[in-house]
C-alpha atoms as a PDB file:
ATOM      1  CA  MET A   1     -13.475  11.037 -12.110  1.00  0.00           C
ATOM      2  CA  ILE A   2     -14.041  13.127  -9.030  1.00  0.00           C
ATOM      3  CA  SER A   3     -15.634  10.204  -7.161  1.00  0.00           C
ATOM      4  CA  GLN A   4     -12.610   7.989  -7.951  1.00  0.00           C
ATOM      5  CA  PHE A   5     -10.224  10.670  -6.741  1.00  0.00           C
ATOM      6  CA  LEU A   6     -12.266  11.113  -3.512  1.00  0.00           C
ATOM      7  CA  SER A   7     -12.375   7.346  -3.024  1.00  0.00           C
ATOM      8  CA  GLY A   8      -8.601   7.337  -3.310  1.00  0.00           C
ATOM      9  CA  ILE A   9      -8.371  10.043  -0.689  1.00  0.00           C
ATOM     10  CA  ALA A  10     -10.562   8.021   1.623  1.00  0.00           C
ATOM     11  CA  ALA A  11      -8.341   5.033   1.204  1.00  0.00           C
ATOM     12  CA  GLY A  12      -5.247   7.095   1.768  1.00  0.00           C
ATOM     13  CA  ILE A  13      -6.636   8.415   5.024  1.00  0.00           C
ATOM     14  CA  LEU A  14      -7.288   4.873   6.266  1.00  0.00           C
ATOM     15  CA  ILE A  15      -3.775   3.713   5.299  1.00  0.00           C
ATOM     16  CA  SER A  16      -2.415   6.793   7.159  1.00  0.00           C
ATOM     17  CA  ILE A  17      -4.301   5.592  10.247  1.00  0.00           C
ATOM     18  CA  GLY A  18      -2.874   2.162   9.804  1.00  0.00           C
ATOM     19  CA  GLY A  19       0.653   3.598   9.452  1.00  0.00           C
ATOM     20  CA  THR A  20       0.134   5.677  12.589  1.00  0.00           C
ATOM     21  CA  ILE A  21      -0.892   2.566  14.509  1.00  0.00           C
ATOM     22  CA  PHE A  22       2.235   0.746  13.352  1.00  0.00           C
ATOM     23  CA  LEU A  23       4.561   3.626  14.207  1.00  0.00           C
ATOM     24  CA  SER A  24       2.918   4.080  17.594  1.00  0.00           C
ATOM     25  CA  CYS A  25       3.285   0.440  18.793  1.00  0.00           C
ATOM     26  CA  ASP A  26       6.322  -0.514  20.779  1.00  0.00           C
ATOM     27  CA  ILE A  27       5.783  -4.126  19.842  1.00  0.00           C
ATOM     28  CA  ARG A  28       5.946  -4.364  16.012  1.00  0.00           C
ATOM     29  CA  TYR A  29       3.986  -7.631  15.945  1.00  0.00           C
ATOM     30  CA  ILE A  30       0.935  -5.921  17.444  1.00  0.00           C
ATOM     31  CA  GLY A  31       1.412  -2.936  15.157  1.00  0.00           C
ATOM     32  CA  ALA A  32       1.521  -5.265  12.071  1.00  0.00           C
ATOM     33  CA  VAL A  33      -1.670  -6.978  13.056  1.00  0.00           C
ATOM     34  CA  LEU A  34      -3.497  -3.694  13.860  1.00  0.00           C
ATOM     35  CA  PHE A  35      -2.411  -2.198  10.505  1.00  0.00           C
ATOM     36  CA  SER A  36      -4.783  -4.664   8.849  1.00  0.00           C
ATOM     37  CA  VAL A  37      -7.682  -2.525  10.233  1.00  0.00           C
ATOM     38  CA  ALA A  38      -6.924  -0.081   7.336  1.00  0.00           C
ATOM     39  CA  LEU A  39      -7.420  -2.594   4.538  1.00  0.00           C
ATOM     40  CA  LEU A  40     -10.389  -4.199   6.301  1.00  0.00           C
ATOM     41  CA  CYS A  41     -12.173  -0.851   6.295  1.00  0.00           C
ATOM     42  CA  ILE A  42     -11.077  -0.056   2.743  1.00  0.00           C
ATOM     43  CA  CYS A  43     -12.475  -3.342   1.466  1.00  0.00           C
ATOM     44  CA  TYR A  44     -15.741  -3.029   3.411  1.00  0.00           C
ATOM     45  CA  LYS A  45     -16.316   0.545   2.179  1.00  0.00           C
ATOM     46  CA  GLY A  46     -15.103  -0.141  -1.337  1.00  0.00           C
ATOM     47  CA  TYR A  47     -12.555   2.684  -1.370  1.00  0.00           C
ATOM     48  CA  SER A  48      -9.931   2.963  -4.110  1.00  0.00           C
ATOM     49  CA  LEU A  49      -6.468   1.784  -2.988  1.00  0.00           C
ATOM     50  CA  PHE A  50      -3.842   1.458  -5.690  1.00  0.00           C
ATOM     51  CA  THR A  51      -2.252  -1.675  -4.260  1.00  0.00           C
ATOM     52  CA  GLY A  52      -5.657  -3.327  -3.866  1.00  0.00           C
ATOM     53  CA  LYS A  53      -6.715  -2.616  -7.416  1.00  0.00           C
ATOM     54  CA  ILE A  54      -3.627  -2.964  -9.567  1.00  0.00           C
ATOM     55  CA  GLY A  55      -3.821  -6.823  -9.542  1.00  0.00           C
ATOM     56  CA  PHE A  56      -7.163  -6.748 -11.313  1.00  0.00           C
ATOM     57  CA  ILE A  57      -5.909  -4.697 -14.326  1.00  0.00           C
ATOM     58  CA  PRO A  58      -4.941  -7.877 -16.273  1.00  0.00           C
ATOM     59  CA  GLU A  59      -8.543  -9.040 -16.079  1.00  0.00           C
ATOM     60  CA  LYS A  60      -9.970  -5.663 -17.360  1.00  0.00           C
ATOM     61  CA  HIS A  61      -7.049  -4.093 -19.151  1.00  0.00           C
ATOM     62  CA  ASP A  62      -9.112  -1.320 -20.645  1.00  0.00           C
ATOM     63  CA  LYS A  63      -8.488   2.455 -20.784  1.00  0.00           C
ATOM     64  CA  ASN A  64     -11.229   3.277 -18.222  1.00  0.00           C
ATOM     65  CA  ALA A  65      -9.902   0.827 -15.620  1.00  0.00           C
ATOM     66  CA  PHE A  66      -6.417   2.243 -15.969  1.00  0.00           C
ATOM     67  CA  SER A  67      -7.730   5.868 -15.590  1.00  0.00           C
ATOM     68  CA  VAL A  68      -9.650   4.833 -12.437  1.00  0.00           C
ATOM     69  CA  LEU A  69      -6.503   3.262 -11.026  1.00  0.00           C
ATOM     70  CA  LEU A  70      -4.388   6.396 -11.589  1.00  0.00           C
ATOM     71  CA  LEU A  71      -7.042   8.713 -10.136  1.00  0.00           C
ATOM     72  CA  GLY A  72      -7.162   6.471  -7.056  1.00  0.00           C
ATOM     73  CA  LEU A  73      -3.350   6.560  -6.841  1.00  0.00           C
ATOM     74  CA  LEU A  74      -3.405  10.337  -6.986  1.00  0.00           C
ATOM     75  CA  GLY A  75      -6.001  10.445  -4.189  1.00  0.00           C
ATOM     76  CA  ASN A  76      -3.885   7.984  -2.126  1.00  0.00           C
ATOM     77  CA  ALA A  77      -0.838  10.238  -2.560  1.00  0.00           C
ATOM     78  CA  VAL A  78      -2.619  13.502  -1.616  1.00  0.00           C
ATOM     79  CA  ALA A  79      -4.257  11.940   1.468  1.00  0.00           C
ATOM     80  CA  THR A  80      -1.116  10.286   2.815  1.00  0.00           C
ATOM     81  CA  CYS A  81       0.991  13.398   2.312  1.00  0.00           C
ATOM     82  CA  VAL A  82      -1.519  15.665   4.059  1.00  0.00           C
ATOM     83  CA  CYS A  83      -2.164  13.125   6.834  1.00  0.00           C
ATOM     84  CA  GLY A  84       1.534  12.530   7.406  1.00  0.00           C
ATOM     85  CA  TYR A  85       2.013  16.260   7.992  1.00  0.00           C
ATOM     86  CA  VAL A  86      -1.130  16.827  10.122  1.00  0.00           C
ATOM     87  CA  ILE A  87      -0.760  13.718  12.299  1.00  0.00           C
ATOM     88  CA  THR A  88       2.817  14.530  13.306  1.00  0.00           C
ATOM     89  CA  LEU A  89       1.710  17.943  14.403  1.00  0.00           C
ATOM     90  CA  ALA A  90      -0.438  16.249  17.011  1.00  0.00           C
ATOM     91  CA  LEU A  91       1.868  13.263  17.571  1.00  0.00           C
ATOM     92  CA  PRO A  92       5.535  14.245  17.390  1.00  0.00           C
ATOM     93  CA  SER A  93       6.583  10.733  18.434  1.00  0.00           C
ATOM     94  CA  VAL A  94       5.208   9.479  15.139  1.00  0.00           C
ATOM     95  CA  ARG A  95       7.633  11.755  13.252  1.00  0.00           C
ATOM     96  CA  GLU A  96      10.549  10.342  15.191  1.00  0.00           C
ATOM     97  CA  ALA A  97       9.594   6.722  14.462  1.00  0.00           C
ATOM     98  CA  ALA A  98       8.987   7.575  10.774  1.00  0.00           C
ATOM     99  CA  GLU A  99      12.416   9.192  10.473  1.00  0.00           C
ATOM    100  CA  VAL A 100      14.082   6.012  11.685  1.00  0.00           C
ATOM    101  CA  ILE A 101      12.078   3.771   9.314  1.00  0.00           C
ATOM    102  CA  CYS A 102      12.526   6.053   6.253  1.00  0.00           C
ATOM    103  CA  THR A 103      16.207   6.470   6.720  1.00  0.00           C
ATOM    104  CA  ALA A 104      16.510   2.646   6.652  1.00  0.00           C
ATOM    105  CA  LYS A 105      14.315   2.423   3.575  1.00  0.00           C
ATOM    106  CA  LEU A 106      16.553   4.866   1.626  1.00  0.00           C
ATOM    107  CA  ALA A 107      19.584   2.828   2.582  1.00  0.00           C
ATOM    108  CA  GLN A 108      18.296  -0.208   0.647  1.00  0.00           C
ATOM    109  CA  SER A 109      19.776  -1.048  -2.725  1.00  0.00           C
ATOM    110  CA  PHE A 110      17.644  -0.726  -5.932  1.00  0.00           C
ATOM    111  CA  PRO A 111      17.145  -4.510  -6.342  1.00  0.00           C
ATOM    112  CA  SER A 112      16.294  -4.947  -2.633  1.00  0.00           C
ATOM    113  CA  ALA A 113      13.650  -2.222  -2.663  1.00  0.00           C
ATOM    114  CA  LEU A 114      12.138  -3.545  -5.953  1.00  0.00           C
ATOM    115  CA  ILE A 115      11.929  -7.114  -4.686  1.00  0.00           C
ATOM    116  CA  ARG A 116      10.352  -6.032  -1.448  1.00  0.00           C
ATOM    117  CA  GLY A 117       7.802  -4.061  -3.391  1.00  0.00           C
ATOM    118  CA  ILE A 118       7.004  -7.031  -5.638  1.00  0.00           C
ATOM    119  CA  PHE A 119       6.339  -9.396  -2.791  1.00  0.00           C
ATOM    120  CA  CYS A 120       4.197  -6.866  -1.034  1.00  0.00           C
ATOM    121  CA  GLY A 121       2.156  -6.525  -4.236  1.00  0.00           C
ATOM    122  CA  ILE A 122       1.617 -10.306  -4.343  1.00  0.00           C
ATOM    123  CA  LEU A 123       0.320 -10.345  -0.759  1.00  0.00           C
ATOM    124  CA  MET A 124      -1.913  -7.295  -1.331  1.00  0.00           C
ATOM    125  CA  TYR A 125      -3.508  -8.953  -4.369  1.00  0.00           C
ATOM    126  CA  LEU A 126      -4.097 -12.177  -2.401  1.00  0.00           C
ATOM    127  CA  ALA A 127      -5.640 -10.224   0.486  1.00  0.00           C
ATOM    128  CA  VAL A 128      -8.108  -8.394  -1.703  1.00  0.00           C
ATOM    129  CA  SER A 129      -8.869 -11.206  -4.123  1.00  0.00           C
ATOM    130  CA  ILE A 130      -9.595 -13.658  -1.317  1.00  0.00           C
ATOM    131  CA  TYR A 131     -11.968 -11.105   0.256  1.00  0.00           C
ATOM    132  CA  ARG A 132     -13.707 -10.586  -3.124  1.00  0.00           C
ATOM    133  CA  ASP A 133     -13.907 -14.227  -4.164  1.00  0.00           C
ATOM    134  CA  LYS A 134     -14.455 -16.022  -0.850  1.00  0.00           C
ATOM    135  CA  HIS A 135     -16.190 -13.265   1.123  1.00  0.00           C
ATOM    136  CA  THR A 136     -13.875 -13.636   4.047  1.00  0.00           C
ATOM    137  CA  VAL A 137     -11.353 -11.337   5.743  1.00  0.00           C
ATOM    138  CA  VAL A 138      -8.883 -14.159   6.476  1.00  0.00           C
ATOM    139  CA  GLY A 139      -6.601 -13.045   3.617  1.00  0.00           C
ATOM    140  CA  ILE A 140      -6.519  -9.488   4.947  1.00  0.00           C
ATOM    141  CA  VAL A 141      -5.923 -10.475   8.537  1.00  0.00           C
ATOM    142  CA  PHE A 142      -3.026 -12.709   7.636  1.00  0.00           C
ATOM    143  CA  CYS A 143      -1.444 -11.182   4.517  1.00  0.00           C
ATOM    144  CA  ILE A 144      -1.094  -7.698   5.918  1.00  0.00           C
ATOM    145  CA  PRO A 145       0.905  -8.630   9.051  1.00  0.00           C
ATOM    146  CA  VAL A 146       2.937 -11.017   6.946  1.00  0.00           C
ATOM    147  CA  PHE A 147       4.106  -8.329   4.419  1.00  0.00           C
ATOM    148  CA  ILE A 148       4.923  -5.929   7.262  1.00  0.00           C
ATOM    149  CA  LEU A 149       6.806  -8.472   9.385  1.00  0.00           C
ATOM    150  CA  CYS A 150       8.726  -9.718   6.280  1.00  0.00           C
ATOM    151  CA  GLY A 151       9.869  -6.181   5.625  1.00  0.00           C
ATOM    152  CA  PHE A 152       8.116  -5.947   2.235  1.00  0.00           C
ATOM    153  CA  GLU A 153       7.342  -2.463   0.960  1.00  0.00           C
ATOM    154  CA  HIS A 154       3.845  -0.964   0.480  1.00  0.00           C
ATOM    155  CA  SER A 155       3.988   2.220  -1.704  1.00  0.00           C
ATOM    156  CA  ILE A 156       0.989   4.002  -0.182  1.00  0.00           C
ATOM    157  CA  ALA A 157       2.077   3.297   3.399  1.00  0.00           C
ATOM    158  CA  ASP A 158       5.544   4.498   2.422  1.00  0.00           C
ATOM    159  CA  MET A 159       4.073   7.716   1.135  1.00  0.00           C
ATOM    160  CA  PHE A 160       2.595   8.286   4.608  1.00  0.00           C
ATOM    161  CA  TYR A 161       5.860   7.335   6.337  1.00  0.00           C
ATOM    162  CA  PHE A 162       7.933   9.760   4.288  1.00  0.00           C
ATOM    163  CA  ALA A 163       5.410  12.577   4.696  1.00  0.00           C
ATOM    164  CA  ALA A 164       5.383  11.926   8.473  1.00  0.00           C
ATOM    165  CA  SER A 165       9.238  11.776   8.611  1.00  0.00           C
ATOM    166  CA  GLY A 166       9.572  15.142   6.870  1.00  0.00           C
ATOM    167  CA  ILE A 167      12.154  13.670   4.480  1.00  0.00           C
ATOM    168  CA  VAL A 168      11.690  15.332   1.123  1.00  0.00           C
ATOM    169  CA  SER A 169      14.293  14.600  -1.570  1.00  0.00           C
ATOM    170  CA  LEU A 170      14.684  13.309  -5.091  1.00  0.00           C
ATOM    171  CA  HIS A 171      15.994  10.097  -3.615  1.00  0.00           C
ATOM    172  CA  ALA A 172      12.827   9.637  -1.568  1.00  0.00           C
ATOM    173  CA  PHE A 173      10.606  10.524  -4.599  1.00  0.00           C
ATOM    174  CA  GLY A 174      12.456   8.006  -6.765  1.00  0.00           C
ATOM    175  CA  TYR A 175      12.209   5.382  -3.992  1.00  0.00           C
ATOM    176  CA  ILE A 176       8.393   5.793  -3.845  1.00  0.00           C
ATOM    177  CA  TRP A 177       8.087   5.329  -7.601  1.00  0.00           C
ATOM    178  CA  LEU A 178      10.300   2.229  -7.431  1.00  0.00           C
ATOM    179  CA  ILE A 179       8.011   0.742  -4.825  1.00  0.00           C
ATOM    180  CA  ILE A 180       4.921   1.659  -6.858  1.00  0.00           C
ATOM    181  CA  ILE A 181       6.447  -0.228  -9.818  1.00  0.00           C
ATOM    182  CA  GLY A 182       7.301  -3.225  -7.567  1.00  0.00           C
ATOM    183  CA  ASN A 183       3.820  -3.324  -6.116  1.00  0.00           C
ATOM    184  CA  ALA A 184       2.349  -3.206  -9.636  1.00  0.00           C
ATOM    185  CA  ILE A 185       4.542  -6.073 -10.842  1.00  0.00           C
ATOM    186  CA  GLY A 186       3.733  -8.207  -7.791  1.00  0.00           C
ATOM    187  CA  GLY A 187       0.055  -7.366  -7.860  1.00  0.00           C
ATOM    188  CA  MET A 188      -0.293  -8.471 -11.488  1.00  0.00           C
ATOM    189  CA  LEU A 189       2.031 -11.510 -11.271  1.00  0.00           C
ATOM    190  CA  LEU A 190      -0.398 -14.105  -9.998  1.00  0.00           C
ATOM    191  CA  PRO A 191      -3.337 -12.993 -12.220  1.00  0.00           C
ATOM    192  CA  VAL A 192      -1.059 -13.127 -15.303  1.00  0.00           C
ATOM    193  CA  LEU A 193       0.137 -16.610 -14.352  1.00  0.00           C
ATOM    194  CA  THR A 194      -3.371 -17.785 -13.668  1.00  0.00           C
ATOM    195  CA  GLY A 195      -4.536 -16.472 -16.980  1.00  0.00           C
ATOM    196  CA  ALA A 196      -1.710 -18.273 -18.788  1.00  0.00           C
ATOM    197  CA  LEU A 197      -2.562 -21.502 -16.991  1.00  0.00           C
ATOM    198  CA  LYS A 198      -6.194 -21.246 -18.069  1.00  0.00           C
ATOM    199  CA  LYS A 199      -5.138 -20.779 -21.698  1.00  0.00           C
ATOM    200  CA  GLN A 200      -2.898 -23.925 -21.455  1.00  0.00           C
ATOM    201  CA  SER A 201      -5.612 -26.079 -19.983  1.00  0.00           C
END
């Protein structure tokens, strides 16, 4: 249990670095591409990232796998919250950029935020599954910039952005949980469809 929690913390730290890269780039296209460094390192090191693991729950769907997932999510949350606070102490400009982004996020409607979370979940599943199955980083290098440039929502990155922005409210808390749900739905969508197709064939 402790190892999974610590693995989640490690993944959260890397996502925080990716988020810092994105917030620090004047050209969002460059920031979107460089953000992929976070998932590349997470996959290579085998750290526990919620959005990278949730899509594989339909294959395992046992109590232990779900416990591991939640411990990783807790580690992700702790790390991104701490990093968001610490990093902005050293880089005040990151806080300013995060405030702008998070204010826009909270202005989204419920359906909009959920849909953005779902499509991010789909791309995250593809990025990790292609890495696992094909032993290539092509999925990561392309899927990560795509979800960022499309405006899709990544729950763990959003945790960092809100921590960095200093925005703490029930609205923000509810928003994060909505994106977590969206990411979970999107992450499991293709595996469930694939499983259904296999049963039909």
